[in-house]
Amino acid sequence: MNANKKYSAKPNKVNWSAVDAAPMADMPDDDSPELSNEIFQQLKPIGQVLPELNLGKQRITIMLDASVIKAYKAKAGGRGYQTLINETLRRGLEADSVKEALREVLREERVK
């Protein structure tokens, strides 16, 4: 490799007219046949067909303060902030369970 050779940082321009005019552009793809209405009616959700892929999560819509979302996005870093919110809620539920168990033990001890 020639160390003196300089490379251009300019991206190559794509001639989209040539791409659209290419003979293969309108040819059917044997690996991906066109989806007919009949086949479309037979499709099922992936969770029904492959239940082992079900992550056990459910999509919801929730309104949160903008400051809360901003804080979670900052705290999450490269991870998904929604995952972090889910983990926080899970820890809160677990803490509530521990508190309730402790209350039950204390009530039982008072009765003795």
C-alpha atoms as a PDB file:
ATOM      1  CA  MET A   1       0.000   0.000   0.000  1.00  0.00           C
ATOM      2  CA  ASN A   2       1.359   3.386  -0.945  1.00  0.00           C
ATOM      3  CA  ALA A   3       1.462   5.595   2.185  1.00  0.00           C
ATOM      4  CA  ASN A   4       1.572   8.738   0.055  1.00  0.00           C
ATOM      5  CA  LYS A   5      -1.706   7.962  -1.700  1.00  0.00           C
ATOM      6  CA  LYS A   6      -4.562  10.096  -0.410  1.00  0.00           C
ATOM      7  CA  TYR A   7      -8.122   8.825  -0.318  1.00  0.00           C
ATOM      8  CA  SER A   8     -11.120  10.995  -0.959  1.00  0.00           C
ATOM      9  CA  ALA A   9     -13.688  11.262   1.818  1.00  0.00           C
ATOM     10  CA  LYS A  10     -16.366  12.158  -0.734  1.00  0.00           C
ATOM     11  CA  PRO A  11     -19.137   9.566  -1.005  1.00  0.00           C
ATOM     12  CA  ASN A  12     -19.801   8.059  -4.408  1.00  0.00           C
ATOM     13  CA  LYS A  13     -22.827   9.476  -6.158  1.00  0.00           C
ATOM     14  CA  VAL A  14     -25.462   6.912  -7.087  1.00  0.00           C
ATOM     15  CA  ASN A  15     -27.100   7.197 -10.457  1.00  0.00           C
ATOM     16  CA  TRP A  16     -30.629   6.219  -9.384  1.00  0.00           C
ATOM     17  CA  SER A  17     -31.942   6.489 -12.944  1.00  0.00           C
ATOM     18  CA  ALA A  18     -29.527   3.767 -13.977  1.00  0.00           C
ATOM     19  CA  VAL A  19     -30.532   1.631 -11.003  1.00  0.00           C
ATOM     20  CA  ASP A  20     -34.244   2.011 -11.826  1.00  0.00           C
ATOM     21  CA  ALA A  21     -33.579   1.239 -15.496  1.00  0.00           C
ATOM     22  CA  ALA A  22     -31.618  -1.927 -14.699  1.00  0.00           C
ATOM     23  CA  PRO A  23     -33.235  -5.041 -16.180  1.00  0.00           C
ATOM     24  CA  MET A  24     -33.409  -6.811 -12.784  1.00  0.00           C
ATOM     25  CA  ALA A  25     -35.393  -4.007 -11.120  1.00  0.00           C
ATOM     26  CA  ASP A  26     -38.792  -5.296 -12.252  1.00  0.00           C
ATOM     27  CA  MET A  27     -38.059  -9.027 -12.104  1.00  0.00           C
ATOM     28  CA  PRO A  28     -39.830 -11.079  -9.433  1.00  0.00           C
ATOM     29  CA  ASP A  29     -37.704 -12.447  -6.639  1.00  0.00           C
ATOM     30  CA  ASP A  30     -38.142 -16.216  -6.207  1.00  0.00           C
ATOM     31  CA  ASP A  31     -37.112 -15.963  -2.541  1.00  0.00           C
ATOM     32  CA  SER A  32     -39.727 -13.302  -1.834  1.00  0.00           C
ATOM     33  CA  PRO A  33     -42.822 -13.906  -3.947  1.00  0.00           C
ATOM     34  CA  GLU A  34     -45.548 -11.283  -4.057  1.00  0.00           C
ATOM     35  CA  LEU A  35     -47.943 -11.547  -1.126  1.00  0.00           C
ATOM     36  CA  SER A  36     -51.423 -12.360  -2.359  1.00  0.00           C
ATOM     37  CA  ASN A  37     -54.559 -11.409  -0.446  1.00  0.00           C
ATOM     38  CA  GLU A  38     -55.281 -15.115   0.136  1.00  0.00           C
ATOM     39  CA  ILE A  39     -51.873 -15.701   1.715  1.00  0.00           C
ATOM     40  CA  PHE A  40     -52.163 -12.466   3.696  1.00  0.00           C
ATOM     41  CA  GLN A  41     -55.432 -13.705   5.257  1.00  0.00           C
ATOM     42  CA  GLN A  42     -53.635 -16.854   6.471  1.00  0.00           C
ATOM     43  CA  LEU A  43     -50.866 -14.984   8.302  1.00  0.00           C
ATOM     44  CA  LYS A  44     -50.761 -15.213  12.101  1.00  0.00           C
ATOM     45  CA  PRO A  45     -48.910 -13.144  14.698  1.00  0.00           C
ATOM     46  CA  ILE A  46     -45.362 -14.361  15.302  1.00  0.00           C
ATOM     47  CA  GLY A  47     -46.210 -15.034  18.965  1.00  0.00           C
ATOM     48  CA  GLN A  48     -48.808 -17.628  17.902  1.00  0.00           C
ATOM     49  CA  VAL A  49     -46.553 -19.322  15.367  1.00  0.00           C
ATOM     50  CA  LEU A  50     -43.388 -19.257  17.498  1.00  0.00           C
ATOM     51  CA  PRO A  51     -44.460 -18.862  21.150  1.00  0.00           C
ATOM     52  CA  GLU A  52     -40.890 -19.561  22.296  1.00  0.00           C
ATOM     53  CA  LEU A  53     -39.927 -16.149  20.879  1.00  0.00           C
ATOM     54  CA  ASN A  54     -42.467 -14.344  23.063  1.00  0.00           C
ATOM     55  CA  LEU A  55     -40.579 -11.935  25.284  1.00  0.00           C
ATOM     56  CA  GLY A  56     -43.468 -11.620  27.704  1.00  0.00           C
ATOM     57  CA  LYS A  57     -43.685  -7.902  27.135  1.00  0.00           C
ATOM     58  CA  GLN A  58     -46.692  -5.877  26.143  1.00  0.00           C
ATOM     59  CA  ARG A  59     -46.735  -2.596  24.239  1.00  0.00           C
ATOM     60  CA  ILE A  60     -48.429   0.226  26.152  1.00  0.00           C
ATOM     61  CA  THR A  61     -48.779   3.966  25.902  1.00  0.00           C
ATOM     62  CA  ILE A  62     -47.889   5.887  29.031  1.00  0.00           C
ATOM     63  CA  MET A  63     -47.513   9.596  29.726  1.00  0.00           C
ATOM     64  CA  LEU A  64     -44.390  10.510  31.728  1.00  0.00           C
ATOM     65  CA  ASP A  65     -42.913  13.862  32.671  1.00  0.00           C
ATOM     66  CA  ALA A  66     -40.386  15.115  30.114  1.00  0.00           C
ATOM     67  CA  SER A  67     -37.820  15.462  32.911  1.00  0.00           C
ATOM     68  CA  VAL A  68     -38.283  11.788  33.868  1.00  0.00           C
ATOM     69  CA  ILE A  69     -37.726  10.630  30.298  1.00  0.00           C
ATOM     70  CA  LYS A  70     -34.702  12.904  29.930  1.00  0.00           C
ATOM     71  CA  ALA A  71     -33.200  11.543  33.160  1.00  0.00           C
ATOM     72  CA  TYR A  72     -33.743   7.911  32.127  1.00  0.00           C
ATOM     73  CA  LYS A  73     -32.282   8.509  28.655  1.00  0.00           C
ATOM     74  CA  ALA A  74     -29.194  10.083  30.241  1.00  0.00           C
ATOM     75  CA  LYS A  75     -28.891   7.295  32.808  1.00  0.00           C
ATOM     76  CA  ALA A  76     -29.373   4.525  30.218  1.00  0.00           C
ATOM     77  CA  GLY A  77     -26.397   5.577  28.112  1.00  0.00           C
ATOM     78  CA  GLY A  78     -26.157   3.168  25.164  1.00  0.00           C
ATOM     79  CA  ARG A  79     -28.941   0.898  26.420  1.00  0.00           C
ATOM     80  CA  GLY A  80     -32.593   1.479  25.794  1.00  0.00           C
ATOM     81  CA  TYR A  81     -34.092   3.865  28.312  1.00  0.00           C
ATOM     82  CA  GLN A  82     -37.393   1.942  28.202  1.00  0.00           C
ATOM     83  CA  THR A  83     -35.538  -1.161  29.406  1.00  0.00           C
ATOM     84  CA  LEU A  84     -34.189   0.867  32.311  1.00  0.00           C
ATOM     85  CA  ILE A  85     -37.674   2.125  33.187  1.00  0.00           C
ATOM     86  CA  ASN A  86     -38.945  -1.490  33.086  1.00  0.00           C
ATOM     87  CA  GLU A  87     -36.136  -2.642  35.410  1.00  0.00           C
ATOM     88  CA  THR A  88     -36.889   0.208  37.834  1.00  0.00           C
ATOM     89  CA  LEU A  89     -40.569  -0.720  37.938  1.00  0.00           C
ATOM     90  CA  ARG A  90     -39.679  -4.398  38.471  1.00  0.00           C
ATOM     91  CA  ARG A  91     -37.357  -3.529  41.385  1.00  0.00           C
ATOM     92  CA  GLY A  92     -40.126  -1.394  42.872  1.00  0.00           C
ATOM     93  CA  LEU A  93     -42.546  -4.318  42.750  1.00  0.00           C
ATOM     94  CA  GLU A  94     -39.977  -6.635  44.321  1.00  0.00           C
ATOM     95  CA  ALA A  95     -39.288  -4.112  47.087  1.00  0.00           C
ATOM     96  CA  ASP A  96     -43.023  -3.844  47.757  1.00  0.00           C
ATOM     97  CA  SER A  97     -43.194  -7.658  48.049  1.00  0.00           C
ATOM     98  CA  VAL A  98     -40.325  -7.689  50.553  1.00  0.00           C
ATOM     99  CA  LYS A  99     -41.945  -4.911  52.592  1.00  0.00           C
ATOM    100  CA  GLU A 100     -45.268  -6.771  52.667  1.00  0.00           C
ATOM    101  CA  ALA A 101     -43.544 -10.001  53.751  1.00  0.00           C
ATOM    102  CA  LEU A 102     -41.737  -8.132  56.534  1.00  0.00           C
ATOM    103  CA  ARG A 103     -44.992  -6.548  57.691  1.00  0.00           C
ATOM    104  CA  GLU A 104     -46.601 -10.000  57.823  1.00  0.00           C
ATOM    105  CA  VAL A 105     -43.736 -11.365  59.959  1.00  0.00           C
ATOM    106  CA  LEU A 106     -43.978  -8.389  62.322  1.00  0.00           C
ATOM    107  CA  ARG A 107     -47.757  -8.861  62.680  1.00  0.00           C
ATOM    108  CA  GLU A 108     -47.273 -12.550  63.434  1.00  0.00           C
ATOM    109  CA  GLU A 109     -44.653 -11.714  66.059  1.00  0.00           C
ATOM    110  CA  ARG A 110     -46.966  -9.196  67.730  1.00  0.00           C
ATOM    111  CA  VAL A 111     -49.697 -11.796  68.064  1.00  0.00           C
ATOM    112  CA  LYS A 112     -47.395 -14.214  69.927  1.00  0.00           C
END
